[in-house]
Amino acid sequence: MKITKPPRAPEQRKRDLLDRLEKEMDVWVATAGTDGLPCLVPLWFVWHDECLWLATRPATPTGRNLRDGGRARLALGDTLDVVLVDGDAEMYDADEVPDAAAEAFLTKTGWDPRADKAPYVYFRVRPRVVQARNGEHEMRGRYLLRDGAWVV
């Protein structure tokens, strides 16, 4: 790849990140079990109240890992234009999820896990670290959020 554009300013990276969080439907969810076995799956998500909300079945490896470990790494994009989110995960049963989060999920995806016949749970992933870069030339300045606070 030939770099033809200058790196984006931090403020532009944040605007681009927030736009992606609103528009993109899928996020890669990486977790690990208590035995250290990694798991990587794509899930639908919604960005709501500065958190990513996911839904999955509680008995899946991802559901168990998020519940038991309370942490996840999420990724948007490809290797040239990537967003990485490290966050803390908190589980909500379908009857416990805040209505506003569940409605935001439904509005974005067209699916309501609360109404599904199979049991689903929601996870709120609160970002602790967010990185965004579009190519190697944006490695410097890639951290947009650290320790749960925006740095831009």
N, C-alpha and C. Protein backbone atom coordinates (compact mmCIF):
# COMPACT_ATOMS: atom_id res chain seq x y z
N MET A 1 0.85 -1.18 0.00
CA MET A 1 0.00 0.00 0.00
C MET A 1 0.88 1.24 0.00
N LYS A 2 0.55 2.17 -0.83
CA LYS A 2 1.27 3.43 -0.89
C LYS A 2 0.48 4.47 -0.13
N ILE A 3 1.13 5.15 0.80
CA ILE A 3 0.47 6.18 1.60
C ILE A 3 0.45 7.47 0.79
N THR A 4 -0.75 7.96 0.54
CA THR A 4 -0.89 9.17 -0.26
C THR A 4 -1.54 10.31 0.51
N LYS A 5 -2.10 10.01 1.67
CA LYS A 5 -2.76 11.05 2.46
C LYS A 5 -2.02 11.24 3.78
N PRO A 6 -2.04 12.45 4.32
CA PRO A 6 -1.45 12.65 5.65
C PRO A 6 -2.32 12.01 6.72
N PRO A 7 -1.75 11.72 7.88
CA PRO A 7 -2.56 11.16 8.97
C PRO A 7 -3.69 12.12 9.35
N ARG A 8 -4.82 11.54 9.74
CA ARG A 8 -5.94 12.37 10.19
C ARG A 8 -5.61 12.99 11.55
N ALA A 9 -6.14 14.16 11.78
CA ALA A 9 -6.01 14.81 13.09
C ALA A 9 -6.82 14.00 14.10
N PRO A 10 -6.44 14.04 15.37
CA PRO A 10 -7.19 13.27 16.39
C PRO A 10 -8.68 13.57 16.41
N GLU A 11 -9.05 14.83 16.23
CA GLU A 11 -10.46 15.19 16.25
C GLU A 11 -11.21 14.53 15.08
N GLN A 12 -10.56 14.46 13.91
CA GLN A 12 -11.18 13.81 12.75
C GLN A 12 -11.30 12.30 12.98
N ARG A 13 -10.28 11.72 13.60
CA ARG A 13 -10.36 10.28 13.91
C ARG A 13 -11.53 9.99 14.83
N LYS A 14 -11.74 10.85 15.82
CA LYS A 14 -12.85 10.63 16.73
C LYS A 14 -14.18 10.77 15.99
N ARG A 15 -14.31 11.78 15.14
CA ARG A 15 -15.56 11.94 14.36
C ARG A 15 -15.79 10.70 13.48
N ASP A 16 -14.73 10.22 12.83
CA ASP A 16 -14.85 9.03 11.98
C ASP A 16 -15.23 7.81 12.81
N LEU A 17 -14.63 7.68 13.98
CA LEU A 17 -14.95 6.56 14.88
C LEU A 17 -16.42 6.59 15.28
N LEU A 18 -16.90 7.73 15.74
CA LEU A 18 -18.30 7.84 16.18
C LEU A 18 -19.26 7.58 15.02
N ASP A 19 -18.89 8.01 13.82
CA ASP A 19 -19.71 7.74 12.65
C ASP A 19 -19.77 6.23 12.37
N ARG A 20 -18.64 5.56 12.47
CA ARG A 20 -18.62 4.10 12.26
C ARG A 20 -19.45 3.38 13.30
N LEU A 21 -19.35 3.81 14.54
CA LEU A 21 -20.11 3.15 15.61
C LEU A 21 -21.62 3.30 15.39
N GLU A 22 -22.02 4.39 14.79
CA GLU A 22 -23.44 4.60 14.48
C GLU A 22 -23.89 3.78 13.28
N LYS A 23 -23.04 3.67 12.26
CA LYS A 23 -23.45 3.09 10.99
C LYS A 23 -23.17 1.60 10.82
N GLU A 24 -22.05 1.12 11.35
CA GLU A 24 -21.70 -0.28 11.13
C GLU A 24 -22.58 -1.19 11.96
N MET A 25 -22.84 -2.37 11.43
CA MET A 25 -23.77 -3.31 12.06
C MET A 25 -23.06 -4.38 12.88
N ASP A 26 -21.92 -4.85 12.38
CA ASP A 26 -21.22 -5.97 13.01
C ASP A 26 -19.92 -5.52 13.65
N VAL A 27 -19.58 -6.19 14.73
CA VAL A 27 -18.31 -5.97 15.38
C VAL A 27 -17.71 -7.35 15.69
N TRP A 28 -16.39 -7.48 15.53
CA TRP A 28 -15.72 -8.71 15.94
C TRP A 28 -15.56 -8.67 17.45
N VAL A 29 -15.94 -9.74 18.12
CA VAL A 29 -15.88 -9.83 19.58
C VAL A 29 -14.88 -10.93 19.94
N ALA A 30 -13.79 -10.53 20.59
CA ALA A 30 -12.76 -11.47 21.03
C ALA A 30 -12.84 -11.61 22.54
N THR A 31 -12.93 -12.86 22.99
CA THR A 31 -12.96 -13.16 24.42
C THR A 31 -12.06 -14.36 24.67
N ALA A 32 -11.86 -14.67 25.93
CA ALA A 32 -11.11 -15.87 26.30
C ALA A 32 -11.81 -16.54 27.47
N GLY A 33 -11.79 -17.87 27.44
CA GLY A 33 -12.37 -18.63 28.54
C GLY A 33 -11.43 -18.68 29.72
N THR A 34 -11.90 -19.23 30.83
CA THR A 34 -11.07 -19.34 32.02
C THR A 34 -9.87 -20.24 31.78
N ASP A 35 -9.97 -21.13 30.76
CA ASP A 35 -8.85 -22.00 30.40
C ASP A 35 -7.90 -21.32 29.41
N GLY A 36 -8.19 -20.06 29.06
CA GLY A 36 -7.35 -19.32 28.13
C GLY A 36 -7.68 -19.54 26.67
N LEU A 37 -8.65 -20.40 26.38
CA LEU A 37 -9.02 -20.67 24.99
C LEU A 37 -9.69 -19.44 24.38
N PRO A 38 -9.12 -18.90 23.29
CA PRO A 38 -9.70 -17.70 22.68
C PRO A 38 -10.94 -18.03 21.87
N CYS A 39 -11.79 -17.02 21.73
CA CYS A 39 -13.01 -17.13 20.94
C CYS A 39 -13.18 -15.81 20.20
N LEU A 40 -13.50 -15.89 18.90
CA LEU A 40 -13.68 -14.70 18.08
C LEU A 40 -14.92 -14.89 17.23
N VAL A 41 -15.91 -14.01 17.40
CA VAL A 41 -17.16 -14.09 16.63
C VAL A 41 -17.63 -12.69 16.24
N PRO A 42 -18.36 -12.59 15.12
CA PRO A 42 -19.00 -11.32 14.80
C PRO A 42 -20.39 -11.27 15.44
N LEU A 43 -20.74 -10.12 16.00
CA LEU A 43 -22.06 -9.92 16.57
C LEU A 43 -22.59 -8.56 16.14
N TRP A 44 -23.92 -8.46 16.05
CA TRP A 44 -24.53 -7.16 15.86
C TRP A 44 -24.32 -6.34 17.13
N PHE A 45 -24.29 -5.03 16.97
CA PHE A 45 -24.09 -4.15 18.12
C PHE A 45 -24.80 -2.83 17.89
N VAL A 46 -24.97 -2.11 18.97
CA VAL A 46 -25.43 -0.73 18.90
C VAL A 46 -24.58 0.09 19.85
N TRP A 47 -24.26 1.30 19.43
CA TRP A 47 -23.54 2.27 20.26
C TRP A 47 -24.61 3.10 20.96
N HIS A 48 -24.68 2.99 22.29
CA HIS A 48 -25.72 3.67 23.06
C HIS A 48 -25.14 4.12 24.39
N ASP A 49 -25.29 5.39 24.70
CA ASP A 49 -24.77 5.96 25.95
C ASP A 49 -23.29 5.66 26.15
N GLU A 50 -22.52 5.85 25.08
CA GLU A 50 -21.06 5.68 25.10
C GLU A 50 -20.62 4.27 25.46
N CYS A 51 -21.46 3.29 25.17
CA CYS A 51 -21.13 1.88 25.36
C CYS A 51 -21.59 1.11 24.13
N LEU A 52 -20.97 -0.03 23.90
CA LEU A 52 -21.43 -0.94 22.87
C LEU A 52 -22.30 -1.99 23.53
N TRP A 53 -23.47 -2.23 22.94
CA TRP A 53 -24.42 -3.22 23.45
C TRP A 53 -24.48 -4.37 22.45
N LEU A 54 -24.31 -5.58 22.96
CA LEU A 54 -24.31 -6.80 22.17
C LEU A 54 -25.39 -7.72 22.72
N ALA A 55 -25.82 -8.68 21.91
CA ALA A 55 -26.74 -9.70 22.40
C ALA A 55 -26.26 -11.06 21.89
N THR A 56 -26.30 -12.05 22.76
CA THR A 56 -25.93 -13.40 22.38
C THR A 56 -26.60 -14.37 23.35
N ARG A 57 -26.56 -15.62 23.01
CA ARG A 57 -27.14 -16.63 23.90
C ARG A 57 -26.18 -16.83 25.08
N PRO A 58 -26.71 -17.02 26.27
CA PRO A 58 -25.84 -17.12 27.44
C PRO A 58 -24.97 -18.38 27.47
N ALA A 59 -25.37 -19.44 26.76
CA ALA A 59 -24.63 -20.70 26.81
C ALA A 59 -23.53 -20.79 25.76
N THR A 60 -23.43 -19.79 24.87
CA THR A 60 -22.36 -19.82 23.86
C THR A 60 -21.02 -19.54 24.53
N PRO A 61 -19.92 -19.94 23.89
CA PRO A 61 -18.61 -19.58 24.47
C PRO A 61 -18.47 -18.09 24.69
N THR A 62 -18.93 -17.27 23.74
CA THR A 62 -18.83 -15.82 23.91
C THR A 62 -19.66 -15.35 25.09
N GLY A 63 -20.88 -15.84 25.22
CA GLY A 63 -21.72 -15.47 26.36
C GLY A 63 -21.09 -15.85 27.69
N ARG A 64 -20.58 -17.06 27.76
CA ARG A 64 -19.92 -17.50 29.01
C ARG A 64 -18.67 -16.68 29.30
N ASN A 65 -17.87 -16.45 28.25
CA ASN A 65 -16.61 -15.70 28.46
C ASN A 65 -16.87 -14.27 28.90
N LEU A 66 -17.85 -13.63 28.28
CA LEU A 66 -18.17 -12.25 28.68
C LEU A 66 -18.70 -12.23 30.11
N ARG A 67 -19.58 -13.18 30.44
CA ARG A 67 -20.15 -13.24 31.79
C ARG A 67 -19.06 -13.52 32.83
N ASP A 68 -18.24 -14.53 32.58
CA ASP A 68 -17.26 -14.97 33.58
C ASP A 68 -16.02 -14.07 33.64
N GLY A 69 -15.58 -13.61 32.48
CA GLY A 69 -14.36 -12.81 32.43
C GLY A 69 -14.60 -11.32 32.54
N GLY A 70 -15.76 -10.87 32.08
CA GLY A 70 -16.09 -9.46 32.19
C GLY A 70 -15.27 -8.54 31.31
N ARG A 71 -14.59 -9.10 30.30
CA ARG A 71 -13.76 -8.26 29.42
C ARG A 71 -13.89 -8.74 27.99
N ALA A 72 -13.65 -7.82 27.06
CA ALA A 72 -13.67 -8.17 25.65
C ALA A 72 -12.78 -7.22 24.87
N ARG A 73 -12.34 -7.67 23.73
CA ARG A 73 -11.71 -6.81 22.73
C ARG A 73 -12.62 -6.86 21.53
N LEU A 74 -13.00 -5.68 21.05
CA LEU A 74 -13.89 -5.56 19.90
C LEU A 74 -13.11 -4.91 18.76
N ALA A 75 -13.43 -5.31 17.54
CA ALA A 75 -12.73 -4.74 16.38
C ALA A 75 -13.71 -4.44 15.27
N LEU A 76 -13.54 -3.28 14.67
CA LEU A 76 -14.28 -2.86 13.48
C LEU A 76 -13.28 -2.68 12.35
N GLY A 77 -13.70 -3.02 11.13
CA GLY A 77 -12.90 -2.72 9.96
C GLY A 77 -11.91 -3.80 9.61
N ASP A 78 -11.04 -3.45 8.67
CA ASP A 78 -10.01 -4.37 8.23
C ASP A 78 -8.66 -3.92 8.77
N THR A 79 -7.61 -4.58 8.36
CA THR A 79 -6.29 -4.29 8.93
C THR A 79 -5.75 -2.93 8.53
N LEU A 80 -6.28 -2.33 7.46
CA LEU A 80 -5.81 -1.01 7.06
C LEU A 80 -6.59 0.12 7.71
N ASP A 81 -7.84 -0.14 8.07
CA ASP A 81 -8.70 0.88 8.67
C ASP A 81 -9.41 0.24 9.85
N VAL A 82 -8.74 0.22 10.97
CA VAL A 82 -9.20 -0.58 12.10
C VAL A 82 -9.52 0.28 13.31
N VAL A 83 -10.53 -0.16 14.05
CA VAL A 83 -10.86 0.37 15.37
C VAL A 83 -10.77 -0.80 16.35
N LEU A 84 -10.03 -0.64 17.42
CA LEU A 84 -9.94 -1.64 18.48
C LEU A 84 -10.48 -1.04 19.76
N VAL A 85 -11.36 -1.79 20.41
CA VAL A 85 -11.96 -1.35 21.67
C VAL A 85 -11.70 -2.42 22.72
N ASP A 86 -11.04 -2.05 23.79
CA ASP A 86 -10.90 -2.94 24.95
C ASP A 86 -11.87 -2.43 26.00
N GLY A 87 -12.72 -3.34 26.50
CA GLY A 87 -13.72 -2.87 27.43
C GLY A 87 -14.14 -3.88 28.47
N ASP A 88 -14.85 -3.37 29.45
CA ASP A 88 -15.42 -4.17 30.53
C ASP A 88 -16.85 -4.53 30.15
N ALA A 89 -17.22 -5.79 30.32
CA ALA A 89 -18.53 -6.27 29.92
C ALA A 89 -19.39 -6.58 31.14
N GLU A 90 -20.64 -6.18 31.06
CA GLU A 90 -21.62 -6.45 32.11
C GLU A 90 -22.85 -7.08 31.46
N MET A 91 -23.32 -8.19 32.03
CA MET A 91 -24.44 -8.93 31.47
C MET A 91 -25.77 -8.44 32.02
N TYR A 92 -26.79 -8.41 31.12
CA TYR A 92 -28.16 -8.09 31.49
C TYR A 92 -29.07 -9.16 30.91
N ASP A 93 -29.87 -9.78 31.75
CA ASP A 93 -30.90 -10.68 31.23
C ASP A 93 -31.87 -9.86 30.40
N ALA A 94 -32.59 -10.55 29.52
CA ALA A 94 -33.51 -9.86 28.60
C ALA A 94 -34.55 -9.03 29.35
N ASP A 95 -34.93 -9.48 30.54
CA ASP A 95 -35.93 -8.72 31.30
C ASP A 95 -35.30 -7.65 32.20
N GLU A 96 -33.98 -7.55 32.19
CA GLU A 96 -33.27 -6.57 33.02
C GLU A 96 -32.62 -5.45 32.20
N VAL A 97 -32.46 -5.67 30.90
CA VAL A 97 -31.76 -4.69 30.07
C VAL A 97 -32.53 -3.36 30.10
N PRO A 98 -31.83 -2.25 30.21
CA PRO A 98 -32.52 -0.96 30.15
C PRO A 98 -33.31 -0.84 28.84
N ASP A 99 -34.54 -0.37 28.95
CA ASP A 99 -35.40 -0.26 27.78
C ASP A 99 -34.77 0.56 26.66
N ALA A 100 -34.13 1.65 27.01
CA ALA A 100 -33.54 2.51 25.99
C ALA A 100 -32.45 1.78 25.19
N ALA A 101 -31.65 0.96 25.86
CA ALA A 101 -30.60 0.20 25.17
C ALA A 101 -31.22 -0.87 24.27
N ALA A 102 -32.21 -1.59 24.78
CA ALA A 102 -32.87 -2.62 23.98
C ALA A 102 -33.58 -2.02 22.78
N GLU A 103 -34.22 -0.88 22.96
CA GLU A 103 -34.91 -0.22 21.84
C GLU A 103 -33.91 0.30 20.81
N ALA A 104 -32.77 0.80 21.26
CA ALA A 104 -31.74 1.26 20.33
C ALA A 104 -31.21 0.08 19.52
N PHE A 105 -31.03 -1.06 20.17
CA PHE A 105 -30.58 -2.28 19.49
C PHE A 105 -31.60 -2.70 18.43
N LEU A 106 -32.87 -2.71 18.82
CA LEU A 106 -33.95 -3.08 17.90
C LEU A 106 -34.02 -2.11 16.72
N THR A 107 -33.93 -0.83 16.98
CA THR A 107 -34.00 0.17 15.92
C THR A 107 -32.88 -0.02 14.90
N LYS A 108 -31.68 -0.28 15.39
CA LYS A 108 -30.54 -0.42 14.48
C LYS A 108 -30.57 -1.74 13.72
N THR A 109 -30.87 -2.85 14.42
CA THR A 109 -30.73 -4.17 13.80
C THR A 109 -32.03 -4.73 13.23
N GLY A 110 -33.16 -4.25 13.73
CA GLY A 110 -34.44 -4.82 13.33
C GLY A 110 -34.78 -6.10 14.06
N TRP A 111 -34.01 -6.44 15.07
CA TRP A 111 -34.19 -7.68 15.83
C TRP A 111 -34.30 -7.35 17.32
N ASP A 112 -35.24 -7.99 17.98
CA ASP A 112 -35.45 -7.80 19.41
C ASP A 112 -35.16 -9.11 20.13
N PRO A 113 -33.97 -9.29 20.69
CA PRO A 113 -33.64 -10.52 21.39
C PRO A 113 -34.59 -10.83 22.55
N ARG A 114 -35.22 -9.80 23.11
CA ARG A 114 -36.17 -10.02 24.21
C ARG A 114 -37.37 -10.83 23.76
N ALA A 115 -37.72 -10.75 22.48
CA ALA A 115 -38.91 -11.43 21.95
C ALA A 115 -38.57 -12.78 21.31
N ASP A 116 -37.30 -13.13 21.27
CA ASP A 116 -36.90 -14.39 20.64
C ASP A 116 -37.29 -15.56 21.53
N LYS A 117 -37.63 -16.70 20.91
CA LYS A 117 -38.00 -17.89 21.69
C LYS A 117 -36.81 -18.45 22.45
N ALA A 118 -35.63 -18.35 21.86
CA ALA A 118 -34.42 -18.82 22.53
C ALA A 118 -33.99 -17.77 23.56
N PRO A 119 -33.34 -18.21 24.63
CA PRO A 119 -32.88 -17.22 25.63
C PRO A 119 -31.68 -16.43 25.13
N TYR A 120 -31.77 -15.13 25.29
CA TYR A 120 -30.67 -14.22 24.94
C TYR A 120 -30.39 -13.32 26.12
N VAL A 121 -29.14 -12.87 26.19
CA VAL A 121 -28.73 -11.87 27.18
C VAL A 121 -28.06 -10.74 26.42
N TYR A 122 -28.04 -9.59 27.05
CA TYR A 122 -27.36 -8.42 26.50
C TYR A 122 -26.07 -8.21 27.30
N PHE A 123 -25.09 -7.66 26.62
CA PHE A 123 -23.86 -7.25 27.29
C PHE A 123 -23.59 -5.79 26.96
N ARG A 124 -23.36 -5.03 28.00
CA ARG A 124 -22.90 -3.65 27.82
C ARG A 124 -21.38 -3.69 27.93
N VAL A 125 -20.71 -3.25 26.89
CA VAL A 125 -19.24 -3.18 26.90
C VAL A 125 -18.88 -1.71 27.03
N ARG A 126 -18.34 -1.39 28.18
CA ARG A 126 -17.91 -0.01 28.47
C ARG A 126 -16.44 0.11 28.06
N PRO A 127 -16.15 0.95 27.04
CA PRO A 127 -14.77 1.05 26.57
C PRO A 127 -13.82 1.57 27.64
N ARG A 128 -12.67 0.92 27.73
CA ARG A 128 -11.58 1.37 28.60
C ARG A 128 -10.47 1.99 27.75
N VAL A 129 -10.26 1.39 26.55
CA VAL A 129 -9.25 1.87 25.61
C VAL A 129 -9.84 1.78 24.21
N VAL A 130 -9.66 2.83 23.40
CA VAL A 130 -10.07 2.81 22.00
C VAL A 130 -8.90 3.30 21.15
N GLN A 131 -8.59 2.51 20.14
CA GLN A 131 -7.57 2.87 19.16
C GLN A 131 -8.23 2.93 17.78
N ALA A 132 -7.80 3.89 16.96
CA ALA A 132 -8.28 3.99 15.58
C ALA A 132 -7.13 4.42 14.70
N ARG A 133 -6.95 3.65 13.62
CA ARG A 133 -5.89 4.02 12.68
C ARG A 133 -6.27 3.54 11.28
N ASN A 134 -5.86 4.32 10.31
CA ASN A 134 -6.08 4.00 8.91
C ASN A 134 -4.72 3.93 8.25
N GLY A 135 -4.07 2.80 8.39
CA GLY A 135 -2.74 2.60 7.84
C GLY A 135 -1.64 2.82 8.86
N GLU A 136 -0.47 2.33 8.50
CA GLU A 136 0.70 2.41 9.38
C GLU A 136 1.06 3.84 9.75
N HIS A 137 0.82 4.77 8.84
CA HIS A 137 1.20 6.16 9.09
C HIS A 137 0.33 6.81 10.17
N GLU A 138 -0.72 6.13 10.61
CA GLU A 138 -1.55 6.65 11.70
C GLU A 138 -1.32 5.93 13.03
N MET A 139 -0.24 5.18 13.13
CA MET A 139 0.04 4.50 14.41
C MET A 139 0.23 5.54 15.53
N ARG A 140 0.96 6.59 15.24
CA ARG A 140 1.11 7.66 16.23
C ARG A 140 -0.24 8.35 16.38
N GLY A 141 -0.70 8.54 17.57
CA GLY A 141 -1.97 9.20 17.82
C GLY A 141 -3.18 8.30 17.70
N ARG A 142 -2.97 6.99 17.68
CA ARG A 142 -4.09 6.06 17.48
C ARG A 142 -4.99 5.93 18.70
N TYR A 143 -4.52 6.30 19.89
CA TYR A 143 -5.34 6.18 21.10
C TYR A 143 -6.29 7.37 21.21
N LEU A 144 -7.58 7.08 21.17
CA LEU A 144 -8.60 8.12 21.31
C LEU A 144 -9.22 8.13 22.69
N LEU A 145 -9.16 7.00 23.38
CA LEU A 145 -9.73 6.86 24.72
C LEU A 145 -8.78 5.99 25.53
N ARG A 146 -8.47 6.43 26.73
CA ARG A 146 -7.61 5.67 27.65
C ARG A 146 -8.22 5.73 29.05
N ASP A 147 -8.12 4.62 29.74
CA ASP A 147 -8.66 4.54 31.11
C ASP A 147 -10.11 5.03 31.18
N GLY A 148 -10.86 4.74 30.11
CA GLY A 148 -12.28 5.09 30.08
C GLY A 148 -12.60 6.55 29.82
N ALA A 149 -11.59 7.35 29.47
CA ALA A 149 -11.81 8.79 29.22
C ALA A 149 -11.27 9.16 27.84
N TRP A 150 -12.03 9.98 27.13
CA TRP A 150 -11.58 10.45 25.82
C TRP A 150 -10.33 11.30 26.00
N VAL A 151 -9.35 11.09 25.15
CA VAL A 151 -8.13 11.91 25.17
C VAL A 151 -8.17 12.97 24.07
N VAL A 152 -9.20 12.93 23.24
CA VAL A 152 -9.40 13.96 22.19
C VAL A 152 -10.77 14.54 22.34
